[in-house]
N, C-alpha and C. Protein backbone atom coordinates (compact mmCIF):
# COMPACT_ATOMS: atom_id res chain seq x y z
N MET A 1 24.68 -20.54 -23.13
CA MET A 1 25.40 -21.53 -22.32
C MET A 1 24.87 -21.47 -20.89
N THR A 2 24.53 -22.59 -20.32
CA THR A 2 24.07 -22.66 -18.94
C THR A 2 25.10 -23.40 -18.12
N TYR A 3 25.60 -22.74 -17.10
CA TYR A 3 26.62 -23.38 -16.27
C TYR A 3 25.96 -24.42 -15.37
N SER A 4 26.52 -25.61 -15.33
CA SER A 4 25.97 -26.68 -14.52
C SER A 4 26.51 -26.62 -13.10
N ASN A 5 25.68 -27.06 -12.15
CA ASN A 5 26.08 -27.13 -10.74
C ASN A 5 26.56 -25.79 -10.19
N HIS A 6 25.85 -24.73 -10.54
CA HIS A 6 26.21 -23.40 -10.06
C HIS A 6 25.96 -23.33 -8.56
N PRO A 7 26.91 -22.81 -7.76
CA PRO A 7 26.70 -22.72 -6.31
C PRO A 7 25.47 -21.89 -5.99
N ALA A 8 24.63 -22.39 -5.08
CA ALA A 8 23.40 -21.69 -4.72
C ALA A 8 23.70 -20.46 -3.87
N LYS A 9 22.84 -19.44 -4.00
CA LYS A 9 23.00 -18.24 -3.18
C LYS A 9 22.63 -18.55 -1.74
N CYS A 10 23.26 -17.83 -0.82
CA CYS A 10 22.98 -18.07 0.59
C CYS A 10 22.13 -16.93 1.15
N SER A 11 21.43 -17.21 2.24
CA SER A 11 20.58 -16.22 2.88
C SER A 11 21.44 -15.23 3.68
N GLU A 12 20.79 -14.18 4.18
CA GLU A 12 21.50 -13.19 4.99
C GLU A 12 22.08 -13.82 6.25
N ARG A 13 21.32 -14.71 6.87
CA ARG A 13 21.80 -15.38 8.08
C ARG A 13 23.00 -16.28 7.75
N GLU A 14 22.89 -17.00 6.65
CA GLU A 14 24.00 -17.86 6.23
C GLU A 14 25.24 -17.04 5.93
N ALA A 15 25.05 -15.89 5.30
CA ALA A 15 26.19 -15.02 4.97
C ALA A 15 26.90 -14.56 6.25
N ALA A 16 26.12 -14.28 7.30
CA ALA A 16 26.70 -13.86 8.57
C ALA A 16 27.51 -14.99 9.19
N ILE A 17 26.98 -16.21 9.10
CA ILE A 17 27.69 -17.37 9.65
C ILE A 17 28.98 -17.62 8.88
N LEU A 18 28.92 -17.50 7.56
CA LEU A 18 30.12 -17.72 6.74
C LEU A 18 31.19 -16.67 7.02
N ALA A 19 30.76 -15.42 7.26
CA ALA A 19 31.72 -14.37 7.60
C ALA A 19 32.37 -14.67 8.94
N GLY A 20 31.58 -15.15 9.89
CA GLY A 20 32.13 -15.53 11.19
C GLY A 20 33.08 -16.71 11.07
N ALA A 21 32.72 -17.67 10.23
CA ALA A 21 33.57 -18.84 10.03
C ALA A 21 34.91 -18.45 9.42
N ARG A 22 34.87 -17.55 8.45
CA ARG A 22 36.12 -17.10 7.82
C ARG A 22 37.04 -16.47 8.86
N LYS A 23 36.49 -15.66 9.74
CA LYS A 23 37.27 -15.01 10.79
C LYS A 23 37.92 -16.06 11.70
N VAL A 24 37.14 -17.06 12.10
CA VAL A 24 37.66 -18.08 13.01
C VAL A 24 38.69 -18.96 12.32
N PHE A 25 38.43 -19.34 11.07
CA PHE A 25 39.40 -20.17 10.35
C PHE A 25 40.73 -19.43 10.19
N LEU A 26 40.66 -18.12 9.92
CA LEU A 26 41.88 -17.34 9.77
C LEU A 26 42.66 -17.26 11.08
N GLU A 27 41.93 -17.14 12.18
CA GLU A 27 42.58 -16.98 13.49
C GLU A 27 43.07 -18.30 14.06
N SER A 28 42.31 -19.38 13.84
CA SER A 28 42.59 -20.65 14.52
C SER A 28 42.97 -21.80 13.60
N GLY A 29 42.83 -21.61 12.28
CA GLY A 29 43.06 -22.72 11.37
C GLY A 29 41.86 -23.66 11.38
N PHE A 30 41.88 -24.65 10.50
CA PHE A 30 40.75 -25.57 10.42
C PHE A 30 40.69 -26.45 11.67
N GLY A 31 41.83 -26.97 12.09
CA GLY A 31 41.85 -27.86 13.24
C GLY A 31 41.45 -27.17 14.53
N GLY A 32 41.86 -25.91 14.71
CA GLY A 32 41.57 -25.20 15.94
C GLY A 32 40.20 -24.55 15.97
N ALA A 33 39.55 -24.43 14.82
CA ALA A 33 38.23 -23.80 14.77
C ALA A 33 37.18 -24.71 15.39
N THR A 34 36.25 -24.13 16.12
CA THR A 34 35.14 -24.89 16.70
C THR A 34 33.82 -24.24 16.31
N MET A 35 32.76 -25.03 16.33
CA MET A 35 31.45 -24.49 16.02
C MET A 35 31.02 -23.47 17.07
N ASP A 36 31.45 -23.64 18.31
CA ASP A 36 31.15 -22.67 19.36
C ASP A 36 31.76 -21.32 19.02
N ALA A 37 33.04 -21.34 18.63
CA ALA A 37 33.73 -20.08 18.30
C ALA A 37 33.10 -19.43 17.07
N ILE A 38 32.70 -20.23 16.10
CA ILE A 38 32.07 -19.69 14.90
C ILE A 38 30.72 -19.07 15.23
N ALA A 39 29.97 -19.70 16.13
CA ALA A 39 28.68 -19.15 16.55
C ALA A 39 28.87 -17.79 17.22
N ILE A 40 29.87 -17.68 18.08
CA ILE A 40 30.13 -16.42 18.77
C ILE A 40 30.54 -15.34 17.77
N ALA A 41 31.44 -15.70 16.84
CA ALA A 41 31.90 -14.73 15.84
C ALA A 41 30.77 -14.30 14.91
N SER A 42 29.79 -15.17 14.72
CA SER A 42 28.66 -14.88 13.83
C SER A 42 27.51 -14.21 14.55
N ASN A 43 27.62 -14.12 15.89
CA ASN A 43 26.57 -13.52 16.71
C ASN A 43 25.25 -14.28 16.59
N VAL A 44 25.35 -15.61 16.53
CA VAL A 44 24.18 -16.48 16.50
C VAL A 44 24.41 -17.61 17.49
N SER A 45 23.37 -18.41 17.73
CA SER A 45 23.53 -19.54 18.64
C SER A 45 24.22 -20.69 17.92
N LYS A 46 24.81 -21.58 18.71
CA LYS A 46 25.45 -22.76 18.14
C LYS A 46 24.43 -23.61 17.39
N GLN A 47 23.22 -23.69 17.92
CA GLN A 47 22.17 -24.48 17.26
C GLN A 47 21.82 -23.89 15.90
N THR A 48 21.85 -22.56 15.80
CA THR A 48 21.57 -21.92 14.51
C THR A 48 22.62 -22.32 13.47
N VAL A 49 23.87 -22.36 13.91
CA VAL A 49 24.94 -22.79 13.00
C VAL A 49 24.67 -24.21 12.52
N TYR A 50 24.32 -25.10 13.45
CA TYR A 50 24.06 -26.50 13.07
C TYR A 50 22.79 -26.64 12.24
N ASN A 51 21.84 -25.73 12.42
CA ASN A 51 20.63 -25.79 11.60
C ASN A 51 20.94 -25.56 10.13
N HIS A 52 21.98 -24.76 9.87
CA HIS A 52 22.35 -24.45 8.49
C HIS A 52 23.46 -25.36 7.96
N TYR A 53 24.36 -25.76 8.86
CA TYR A 53 25.53 -26.55 8.44
C TYR A 53 25.72 -27.70 9.43
N GLY A 54 25.71 -28.90 8.91
CA GLY A 54 25.76 -30.08 9.78
C GLY A 54 27.10 -30.36 10.42
N SER A 55 28.16 -29.78 9.88
CA SER A 55 29.49 -30.06 10.41
C SER A 55 30.44 -28.92 10.03
N LYS A 56 31.61 -28.93 10.64
CA LYS A 56 32.62 -27.94 10.31
C LYS A 56 33.06 -28.09 8.86
N GLU A 57 33.11 -29.31 8.37
CA GLU A 57 33.48 -29.56 6.97
C GLU A 57 32.45 -28.94 6.02
N ASP A 58 31.15 -29.12 6.34
CA ASP A 58 30.10 -28.53 5.51
C ASP A 58 30.20 -27.01 5.49
N LEU A 59 30.50 -26.45 6.65
CA LEU A 59 30.62 -25.00 6.77
C LEU A 59 31.81 -24.49 5.96
N PHE A 60 32.92 -25.19 6.02
CA PHE A 60 34.10 -24.80 5.26
C PHE A 60 33.82 -24.85 3.76
N ALA A 61 33.16 -25.94 3.32
CA ALA A 61 32.84 -26.08 1.90
C ALA A 61 31.91 -24.96 1.43
N SER A 62 30.93 -24.62 2.24
CA SER A 62 29.99 -23.55 1.88
C SER A 62 30.70 -22.20 1.82
N MET A 63 31.66 -21.99 2.70
CA MET A 63 32.43 -20.75 2.70
C MET A 63 33.20 -20.60 1.38
N ILE A 64 33.81 -21.68 0.90
CA ILE A 64 34.55 -21.63 -0.35
C ILE A 64 33.60 -21.44 -1.53
N ARG A 65 32.46 -22.15 -1.52
CA ARG A 65 31.49 -22.00 -2.61
C ARG A 65 30.97 -20.57 -2.71
N SER A 66 30.71 -19.95 -1.56
CA SER A 66 30.18 -18.59 -1.57
C SER A 66 31.19 -17.62 -2.19
N SER A 67 32.48 -17.91 -2.03
CA SER A 67 33.52 -17.04 -2.58
C SER A 67 33.55 -17.09 -4.10
N CYS A 68 33.20 -18.24 -4.66
CA CYS A 68 33.31 -18.37 -6.12
C CYS A 68 31.99 -18.11 -6.84
N ARG A 69 30.87 -17.97 -6.07
CA ARG A 69 29.57 -17.82 -6.71
C ARG A 69 29.50 -16.54 -7.56
N GLU A 70 29.92 -15.41 -6.99
CA GLU A 70 29.82 -14.15 -7.71
C GLU A 70 30.71 -14.13 -8.95
N ILE A 71 31.89 -14.68 -8.82
CA ILE A 71 32.81 -14.68 -9.96
C ILE A 71 32.26 -15.55 -11.09
N LEU A 72 31.59 -16.64 -10.77
CA LEU A 72 31.01 -17.49 -11.80
C LEU A 72 29.84 -16.79 -12.49
N GLU A 73 29.10 -15.98 -11.76
CA GLU A 73 28.01 -15.23 -12.37
C GLU A 73 28.56 -14.24 -13.39
N VAL A 74 29.68 -13.63 -13.08
CA VAL A 74 30.34 -12.71 -14.02
C VAL A 74 30.78 -13.47 -15.27
N PHE A 75 31.36 -14.66 -15.07
CA PHE A 75 31.84 -15.46 -16.20
C PHE A 75 30.68 -15.87 -17.10
N GLN A 76 29.58 -16.31 -16.48
CA GLN A 76 28.46 -16.78 -17.29
C GLN A 76 27.86 -15.64 -18.10
N SER A 77 27.75 -14.47 -17.51
CA SER A 77 27.23 -13.32 -18.23
C SER A 77 28.14 -12.97 -19.40
N ALA A 78 29.45 -13.01 -19.17
CA ALA A 78 30.41 -12.68 -20.23
C ALA A 78 30.37 -13.72 -21.35
N ALA A 79 30.15 -14.98 -21.00
CA ALA A 79 30.12 -16.05 -22.00
C ALA A 79 28.95 -15.90 -22.96
N LEU A 80 27.87 -15.28 -22.49
CA LEU A 80 26.68 -15.14 -23.32
C LEU A 80 26.81 -14.04 -24.36
N LYS A 81 27.72 -13.10 -24.14
CA LYS A 81 27.77 -11.95 -25.05
C LYS A 81 29.17 -11.59 -25.55
N GLY A 82 30.16 -12.38 -25.18
CA GLY A 82 31.51 -12.05 -25.59
C GLY A 82 32.16 -13.10 -26.47
N ASP A 83 33.21 -12.68 -27.19
CA ASP A 83 33.99 -13.62 -27.98
C ASP A 83 34.97 -14.34 -27.05
N PRO A 84 35.58 -15.45 -27.51
CA PRO A 84 36.48 -16.22 -26.64
C PRO A 84 37.61 -15.41 -26.03
N GLN A 85 38.22 -14.53 -26.80
CA GLN A 85 39.33 -13.74 -26.27
C GLN A 85 38.86 -12.82 -25.13
N SER A 86 37.70 -12.21 -25.33
CA SER A 86 37.16 -11.32 -24.29
C SER A 86 36.80 -12.11 -23.04
N LEU A 87 36.19 -13.29 -23.24
CA LEU A 87 35.81 -14.12 -22.09
C LEU A 87 37.04 -14.55 -21.31
N LEU A 88 38.07 -15.00 -22.01
CA LEU A 88 39.29 -15.44 -21.32
C LEU A 88 39.93 -14.29 -20.55
N ARG A 89 39.86 -13.10 -21.11
CA ARG A 89 40.42 -11.94 -20.40
C ARG A 89 39.63 -11.67 -19.12
N ILE A 90 38.31 -11.76 -19.19
CA ILE A 90 37.47 -11.55 -18.01
C ILE A 90 37.75 -12.62 -16.96
N VAL A 91 37.92 -13.87 -17.43
CA VAL A 91 38.27 -14.95 -16.50
C VAL A 91 39.61 -14.64 -15.83
N GLY A 92 40.59 -14.22 -16.63
CA GLY A 92 41.90 -13.92 -16.08
C GLY A 92 41.86 -12.78 -15.08
N GLU A 93 41.16 -11.70 -15.42
CA GLU A 93 41.09 -10.54 -14.53
C GLU A 93 40.44 -10.90 -13.20
N ASN A 94 39.31 -11.61 -13.27
CA ASN A 94 38.58 -11.93 -12.05
C ASN A 94 39.27 -13.02 -11.23
N PHE A 95 39.91 -13.97 -11.92
CA PHE A 95 40.63 -15.01 -11.20
C PHE A 95 41.77 -14.40 -10.39
N LEU A 96 42.55 -13.52 -11.03
CA LEU A 96 43.67 -12.91 -10.32
C LEU A 96 43.19 -11.96 -9.22
N LYS A 97 42.09 -11.27 -9.47
CA LYS A 97 41.54 -10.40 -8.43
C LYS A 97 41.18 -11.21 -7.19
N MET A 98 40.59 -12.38 -7.41
CA MET A 98 40.22 -13.25 -6.29
C MET A 98 41.44 -13.92 -5.68
N ALA A 99 42.31 -14.47 -6.53
CA ALA A 99 43.45 -15.24 -6.03
C ALA A 99 44.45 -14.37 -5.29
N LEU A 100 44.58 -13.10 -5.70
CA LEU A 100 45.55 -12.21 -5.08
C LEU A 100 44.96 -11.34 -3.98
N ASP A 101 43.69 -11.56 -3.68
CA ASP A 101 43.07 -10.85 -2.56
C ASP A 101 43.81 -11.24 -1.27
N PRO A 102 44.31 -10.26 -0.51
CA PRO A 102 45.08 -10.58 0.71
C PRO A 102 44.36 -11.51 1.67
N SER A 103 43.02 -11.37 1.79
CA SER A 103 42.28 -12.25 2.70
C SER A 103 42.26 -13.69 2.20
N LYS A 104 42.21 -13.87 0.86
CA LYS A 104 42.22 -15.21 0.28
C LYS A 104 43.60 -15.84 0.45
N ILE A 105 44.64 -15.04 0.24
CA ILE A 105 46.00 -15.54 0.43
C ILE A 105 46.21 -15.96 1.88
N ALA A 106 45.73 -15.13 2.80
CA ALA A 106 45.88 -15.43 4.23
C ALA A 106 45.17 -16.73 4.59
N LEU A 107 43.97 -16.93 4.02
CA LEU A 107 43.23 -18.16 4.33
C LEU A 107 43.96 -19.38 3.81
N ARG A 108 44.49 -19.32 2.58
CA ARG A 108 45.21 -20.46 2.03
C ARG A 108 46.48 -20.74 2.82
N ARG A 109 47.16 -19.70 3.26
CA ARG A 109 48.37 -19.89 4.06
C ARG A 109 48.07 -20.61 5.37
N VAL A 110 46.91 -20.31 5.95
CA VAL A 110 46.53 -20.95 7.22
C VAL A 110 46.09 -22.39 7.00
N LEU A 111 45.35 -22.64 5.93
CA LEU A 111 44.72 -23.94 5.74
C LEU A 111 45.61 -24.98 5.06
N LEU A 112 46.40 -24.58 4.09
CA LEU A 112 47.18 -25.56 3.33
C LEU A 112 48.12 -26.41 4.20
N PRO A 113 48.80 -25.83 5.20
CA PRO A 113 49.66 -26.66 6.04
C PRO A 113 48.90 -27.72 6.84
N GLU A 114 47.59 -27.55 6.97
CA GLU A 114 46.80 -28.49 7.77
C GLU A 114 46.33 -29.70 6.97
N ILE A 115 46.57 -29.70 5.67
CA ILE A 115 46.08 -30.81 4.85
C ILE A 115 46.71 -32.13 5.25
N SER A 116 47.96 -32.09 5.75
CA SER A 116 48.59 -33.34 6.18
C SER A 116 47.84 -33.95 7.36
N ARG A 117 47.25 -33.12 8.21
CA ARG A 117 46.48 -33.62 9.35
C ARG A 117 45.03 -33.91 8.99
N PHE A 118 44.53 -33.17 8.00
CA PHE A 118 43.15 -33.33 7.57
C PHE A 118 43.14 -33.54 6.05
N PRO A 119 43.45 -34.75 5.59
CA PRO A 119 43.58 -35.01 4.14
C PRO A 119 42.33 -34.63 3.35
N GLU A 120 41.17 -34.71 3.98
CA GLU A 120 39.93 -34.39 3.27
C GLU A 120 39.81 -32.90 2.97
N LEU A 121 40.60 -32.08 3.65
CA LEU A 121 40.50 -30.64 3.49
C LEU A 121 40.84 -30.20 2.07
N GLY A 122 41.85 -30.81 1.48
CA GLY A 122 42.22 -30.47 0.11
C GLY A 122 41.12 -30.79 -0.87
N GLN A 123 40.49 -31.95 -0.70
CA GLN A 123 39.39 -32.35 -1.58
C GLN A 123 38.21 -31.40 -1.43
N ILE A 124 37.90 -31.04 -0.18
CA ILE A 124 36.78 -30.13 0.07
C ILE A 124 37.04 -28.79 -0.60
N TYR A 125 38.25 -28.28 -0.40
CA TYR A 125 38.62 -26.97 -0.97
C TYR A 125 38.52 -27.00 -2.50
N TYR A 126 39.08 -28.03 -3.11
CA TYR A 126 39.09 -28.10 -4.57
C TYR A 126 37.68 -28.26 -5.14
N ARG A 127 36.91 -29.21 -4.57
CA ARG A 127 35.55 -29.46 -5.08
C ARG A 127 34.64 -28.26 -4.89
N SER A 128 34.86 -27.50 -3.83
CA SER A 128 33.96 -26.40 -3.50
C SER A 128 34.33 -25.09 -4.18
N GLY A 129 35.52 -25.00 -4.77
CA GLY A 129 35.94 -23.75 -5.39
C GLY A 129 36.55 -23.93 -6.77
N PRO A 130 37.84 -24.30 -6.84
CA PRO A 130 38.52 -24.41 -8.13
C PRO A 130 37.82 -25.33 -9.14
N ALA A 131 37.19 -26.39 -8.67
CA ALA A 131 36.54 -27.33 -9.59
C ALA A 131 35.40 -26.66 -10.35
N TYR A 132 34.69 -25.73 -9.71
CA TYR A 132 33.62 -25.01 -10.40
C TYR A 132 34.17 -24.17 -11.55
N LEU A 133 35.26 -23.47 -11.29
CA LEU A 133 35.88 -22.65 -12.33
C LEU A 133 36.39 -23.52 -13.47
N ARG A 134 37.05 -24.62 -13.14
CA ARG A 134 37.57 -25.53 -14.17
C ARG A 134 36.44 -26.07 -15.03
N GLN A 135 35.34 -26.46 -14.39
CA GLN A 135 34.21 -27.02 -15.13
C GLN A 135 33.59 -25.98 -16.05
N PHE A 136 33.41 -24.77 -15.53
CA PHE A 136 32.85 -23.70 -16.35
C PHE A 136 33.71 -23.48 -17.59
N LEU A 137 35.00 -23.33 -17.39
CA LEU A 137 35.90 -23.01 -18.50
C LEU A 137 35.97 -24.17 -19.49
N ALA A 138 36.01 -25.41 -18.99
CA ALA A 138 36.04 -26.58 -19.87
C ALA A 138 34.77 -26.65 -20.72
N GLU A 139 33.61 -26.39 -20.11
CA GLU A 139 32.35 -26.41 -20.85
C GLU A 139 32.32 -25.30 -21.91
N TYR A 140 32.83 -24.14 -21.55
CA TYR A 140 32.85 -23.03 -22.51
C TYR A 140 33.76 -23.36 -23.69
N LEU A 141 34.93 -23.88 -23.42
CA LEU A 141 35.86 -24.22 -24.50
C LEU A 141 35.29 -25.32 -25.39
N ALA A 142 34.59 -26.29 -24.78
CA ALA A 142 33.96 -27.36 -25.57
C ALA A 142 32.88 -26.78 -26.49
N GLU A 143 32.13 -25.82 -25.97
CA GLU A 143 31.08 -25.17 -26.77
C GLU A 143 31.68 -24.40 -27.94
N GLN A 144 32.76 -23.66 -27.66
CA GLN A 144 33.42 -22.90 -28.73
C GLN A 144 34.05 -23.83 -29.77
N ASN A 145 34.53 -24.97 -29.32
CA ASN A 145 35.09 -25.96 -30.25
C ASN A 145 33.99 -26.48 -31.17
N ALA A 146 32.82 -26.76 -30.60
CA ALA A 146 31.69 -27.28 -31.38
C ALA A 146 31.20 -26.24 -32.39
N GLN A 147 31.29 -24.96 -32.04
CA GLN A 147 30.84 -23.90 -32.93
C GLN A 147 31.89 -23.52 -33.98
N GLY A 148 33.12 -24.01 -33.79
CA GLY A 148 34.19 -23.69 -34.73
C GLY A 148 34.92 -22.40 -34.43
N SER A 149 34.58 -21.75 -33.30
CA SER A 149 35.26 -20.51 -32.93
C SER A 149 36.68 -20.78 -32.44
N LEU A 150 36.87 -21.95 -31.83
CA LEU A 150 38.17 -22.38 -31.36
C LEU A 150 38.38 -23.83 -31.77
N ASP A 151 39.63 -24.25 -31.78
CA ASP A 151 39.97 -25.64 -32.07
C ASP A 151 40.64 -26.20 -30.81
N VAL A 152 39.83 -26.83 -29.96
CA VAL A 152 40.31 -27.32 -28.67
C VAL A 152 40.03 -28.81 -28.59
N ALA A 153 41.06 -29.62 -28.75
CA ALA A 153 40.89 -31.07 -28.75
C ALA A 153 40.54 -31.61 -27.37
N ASP A 154 41.07 -30.99 -26.32
CA ASP A 154 40.87 -31.47 -24.95
C ASP A 154 40.51 -30.28 -24.06
N PRO A 155 39.21 -29.88 -24.03
CA PRO A 155 38.81 -28.71 -23.25
C PRO A 155 39.18 -28.76 -21.76
N PRO A 156 38.99 -29.89 -21.05
CA PRO A 156 39.39 -29.91 -19.64
C PRO A 156 40.88 -29.66 -19.44
N LEU A 157 41.70 -30.22 -20.33
CA LEU A 157 43.15 -30.01 -20.22
C LEU A 157 43.50 -28.55 -20.49
N MET A 158 42.89 -27.96 -21.52
CA MET A 158 43.15 -26.57 -21.83
C MET A 158 42.71 -25.67 -20.67
N ALA A 159 41.57 -25.99 -20.05
CA ALA A 159 41.10 -25.21 -18.90
C ALA A 159 42.11 -25.29 -17.76
N ASP A 160 42.61 -26.49 -17.49
CA ASP A 160 43.62 -26.68 -16.44
C ASP A 160 44.87 -25.85 -16.72
N GLN A 161 45.30 -25.85 -17.98
CA GLN A 161 46.53 -25.15 -18.33
C GLN A 161 46.37 -23.64 -18.19
N PHE A 162 45.22 -23.12 -18.60
CA PHE A 162 44.99 -21.68 -18.48
C PHE A 162 44.94 -21.27 -17.00
N ILE A 163 44.22 -22.04 -16.20
CA ILE A 163 44.14 -21.75 -14.77
C ILE A 163 45.52 -21.88 -14.12
N GLY A 164 46.30 -22.87 -14.58
CA GLY A 164 47.64 -23.06 -14.04
C GLY A 164 48.54 -21.87 -14.29
N ILE A 165 48.43 -21.28 -15.49
CA ILE A 165 49.23 -20.09 -15.81
C ILE A 165 48.88 -18.96 -14.85
N LEU A 166 47.59 -18.77 -14.61
CA LEU A 166 47.15 -17.70 -13.73
C LEU A 166 47.54 -17.97 -12.28
N ALA A 167 47.42 -19.23 -11.88
CA ALA A 167 47.67 -19.59 -10.48
C ALA A 167 49.12 -19.39 -10.07
N ALA A 168 50.03 -19.35 -11.04
CA ALA A 168 51.45 -19.16 -10.70
C ALA A 168 51.67 -17.85 -9.96
N CYS A 169 50.86 -16.84 -10.28
CA CYS A 169 50.98 -15.53 -9.60
C CYS A 169 50.64 -15.65 -8.13
N SER A 170 49.53 -16.33 -7.83
CA SER A 170 49.11 -16.43 -6.44
C SER A 170 50.08 -17.29 -5.64
N MET A 171 50.69 -18.28 -6.27
CA MET A 171 51.66 -19.12 -5.56
C MET A 171 52.84 -18.29 -5.09
N LYS A 172 53.34 -17.40 -5.96
CA LYS A 172 54.46 -16.54 -5.59
C LYS A 172 54.08 -15.62 -4.44
N ALA A 173 52.85 -15.12 -4.47
CA ALA A 173 52.40 -14.22 -3.41
C ALA A 173 52.26 -14.98 -2.09
N GLU A 174 51.72 -16.20 -2.15
CA GLU A 174 51.55 -17.01 -0.94
C GLU A 174 52.89 -17.35 -0.29
N LEU A 175 53.91 -17.57 -1.13
CA LEU A 175 55.23 -17.93 -0.61
C LEU A 175 56.04 -16.70 -0.22
N GLY A 176 55.51 -15.52 -0.49
CA GLY A 176 56.22 -14.30 -0.15
C GLY A 176 57.39 -14.00 -1.08
N ILE A 177 57.42 -14.69 -2.23
CA ILE A 177 58.50 -14.48 -3.20
C ILE A 177 58.32 -13.18 -3.95
N GLN A 178 57.08 -12.84 -4.22
CA GLN A 178 56.79 -11.65 -5.01
C GLN A 178 55.60 -10.93 -4.41
N PRO A 179 55.68 -9.64 -4.22
CA PRO A 179 54.52 -8.90 -3.70
C PRO A 179 53.39 -8.94 -4.71
N VAL A 180 52.21 -8.61 -4.25
CA VAL A 180 51.06 -8.61 -5.14
C VAL A 180 51.32 -7.67 -6.32
N MET A 181 50.96 -8.12 -7.53
CA MET A 181 51.21 -7.35 -8.75
C MET A 181 50.46 -6.02 -8.75
N ASP A 182 51.09 -5.02 -9.36
CA ASP A 182 50.34 -3.79 -9.58
C ASP A 182 49.49 -3.99 -10.84
N GLU A 183 48.64 -3.02 -11.14
CA GLU A 183 47.67 -3.18 -12.24
C GLU A 183 48.35 -3.41 -13.58
N ALA A 184 49.43 -2.69 -13.85
CA ALA A 184 50.13 -2.82 -15.13
C ALA A 184 50.72 -4.21 -15.30
N GLU A 185 51.33 -4.73 -14.25
CA GLU A 185 51.90 -6.08 -14.31
C GLU A 185 50.82 -7.12 -14.52
N ARG A 186 49.71 -6.93 -13.82
CA ARG A 186 48.61 -7.88 -13.93
C ARG A 186 48.05 -7.92 -15.35
N GLU A 187 47.88 -6.74 -15.95
CA GLU A 187 47.36 -6.66 -17.32
C GLU A 187 48.32 -7.33 -18.29
N ARG A 188 49.61 -7.10 -18.11
CA ARG A 188 50.61 -7.71 -18.98
C ARG A 188 50.58 -9.23 -18.86
N TYR A 189 50.44 -9.73 -17.65
CA TYR A 189 50.41 -11.18 -17.41
C TYR A 189 49.16 -11.79 -18.04
N ILE A 190 48.02 -11.14 -17.87
CA ILE A 190 46.77 -11.65 -18.43
C ILE A 190 46.82 -11.63 -19.95
N ASP A 191 47.33 -10.54 -20.53
CA ASP A 191 47.44 -10.45 -22.00
C ASP A 191 48.25 -11.62 -22.55
N HIS A 192 49.36 -11.91 -21.89
CA HIS A 192 50.22 -12.99 -22.37
C HIS A 192 49.53 -14.35 -22.23
N ALA A 193 48.87 -14.59 -21.09
CA ALA A 193 48.19 -15.87 -20.87
C ALA A 193 47.06 -16.08 -21.87
N VAL A 194 46.26 -15.05 -22.09
CA VAL A 194 45.16 -15.14 -23.05
C VAL A 194 45.71 -15.36 -24.46
N GLY A 195 46.78 -14.63 -24.81
CA GLY A 195 47.37 -14.78 -26.13
C GLY A 195 47.87 -16.19 -26.39
N LEU A 196 48.46 -16.81 -25.39
CA LEU A 196 48.94 -18.19 -25.55
C LEU A 196 47.80 -19.14 -25.88
N ILE A 197 46.70 -19.01 -25.13
CA ILE A 197 45.56 -19.92 -25.33
C ILE A 197 44.89 -19.67 -26.68
N VAL A 198 44.69 -18.40 -27.01
CA VAL A 198 44.01 -18.07 -28.26
C VAL A 198 44.82 -18.54 -29.47
N ARG A 199 46.13 -18.30 -29.44
CA ARG A 199 46.97 -18.74 -30.58
C ARG A 199 47.01 -20.27 -30.67
N ALA A 200 47.08 -20.93 -29.53
CA ALA A 200 47.16 -22.39 -29.54
C ALA A 200 45.87 -23.04 -30.01
N SER A 201 44.74 -22.36 -29.84
CA SER A 201 43.45 -22.96 -30.18
C SER A 201 42.77 -22.29 -31.37
N ARG A 202 43.52 -21.49 -32.12
CA ARG A 202 42.94 -20.82 -33.28
C ARG A 202 42.63 -21.85 -34.37
N PRO A 203 41.41 -21.86 -34.91
CA PRO A 203 41.06 -22.81 -35.97
C PRO A 203 41.99 -22.65 -37.18
N THR A 204 42.18 -23.72 -37.93
CA THR A 204 43.11 -23.74 -39.05
C THR A 204 42.83 -22.63 -40.06
N HIS A 205 41.56 -22.43 -40.43
CA HIS A 205 41.25 -21.42 -41.45
C HIS A 205 41.57 -20.01 -40.96
N MET A 206 41.39 -19.77 -39.66
CA MET A 206 41.71 -18.45 -39.11
C MET A 206 43.23 -18.27 -39.01
N ARG A 207 43.94 -19.35 -38.70
CA ARG A 207 45.40 -19.28 -38.62
C ARG A 207 45.98 -18.99 -40.00
N GLU A 208 45.46 -19.67 -41.01
CA GLU A 208 45.96 -19.46 -42.38
C GLU A 208 45.68 -18.04 -42.84
N ARG A 209 44.50 -17.52 -42.47
CA ARG A 209 44.15 -16.15 -42.86
C ARG A 209 45.09 -15.15 -42.20
N ALA A 210 45.42 -15.39 -40.92
CA ALA A 210 46.32 -14.49 -40.19
C ALA A 210 47.73 -14.54 -40.78
N GLU A 211 48.17 -15.75 -41.15
CA GLU A 211 49.51 -15.89 -41.72
C GLU A 211 49.58 -15.20 -43.08
N GLU A 212 48.49 -15.31 -43.86
CA GLU A 212 48.46 -14.66 -45.17
C GLU A 212 48.50 -13.14 -45.02
N LYS A 213 47.78 -12.62 -44.00
CA LYS A 213 47.77 -11.19 -43.74
C LYS A 213 49.16 -10.70 -43.34
N ASP A 214 49.87 -11.52 -42.56
CA ASP A 214 51.21 -11.14 -42.12
C ASP A 214 52.18 -11.08 -43.30
N ARG A 215 52.00 -11.98 -44.23
CA ARG A 215 52.90 -12.00 -45.40
C ARG A 215 52.70 -10.77 -46.28
N VAL A 216 51.44 -10.30 -46.32
CA VAL A 216 51.15 -9.11 -47.11
C VAL A 216 51.66 -7.87 -46.37
């Protein structure tokens, strides 16, 4: 399986600029962040920032893409050598690790309230991060459906539902309703989410075999 539209790797200089941008966005929000401040935080000239990123929006999008690049590489590697249940577990573990990272939670808390002032911000965030994960998972489920390993009538919908189950944890953390899960809680949550998807998409012949085994 080859993942389409995989985010490109960034250079060392770009990585420094993105780290500086993250710091400024966290401190000032999207509206208050300036390219001057990002240049200072990155220890580069303002022109260097513009040489790599044409606008603050481009820089924000690249920052989100860089966050999801490594996790997608893990997913693609797992998809090549693992069964669906193992792959879904790896997706769940890495998604929650990323979503519950305190720095990621802090960034979303700062940026989400600004979407009313900058409507394009939500689109940029989604297209540059979550959309890649959704596309990867939908393509994987479609491939497994074609091979007969799973029975998934609507892979994009199933991908959305699985991600939605996982995202509920980060929403509680962002709202301060629930502290970040400990490892045992996280494993229990992932086991349940993966089990729901696997049982719902088990091919008929495998379901019948499991039911027959249970009767015996």
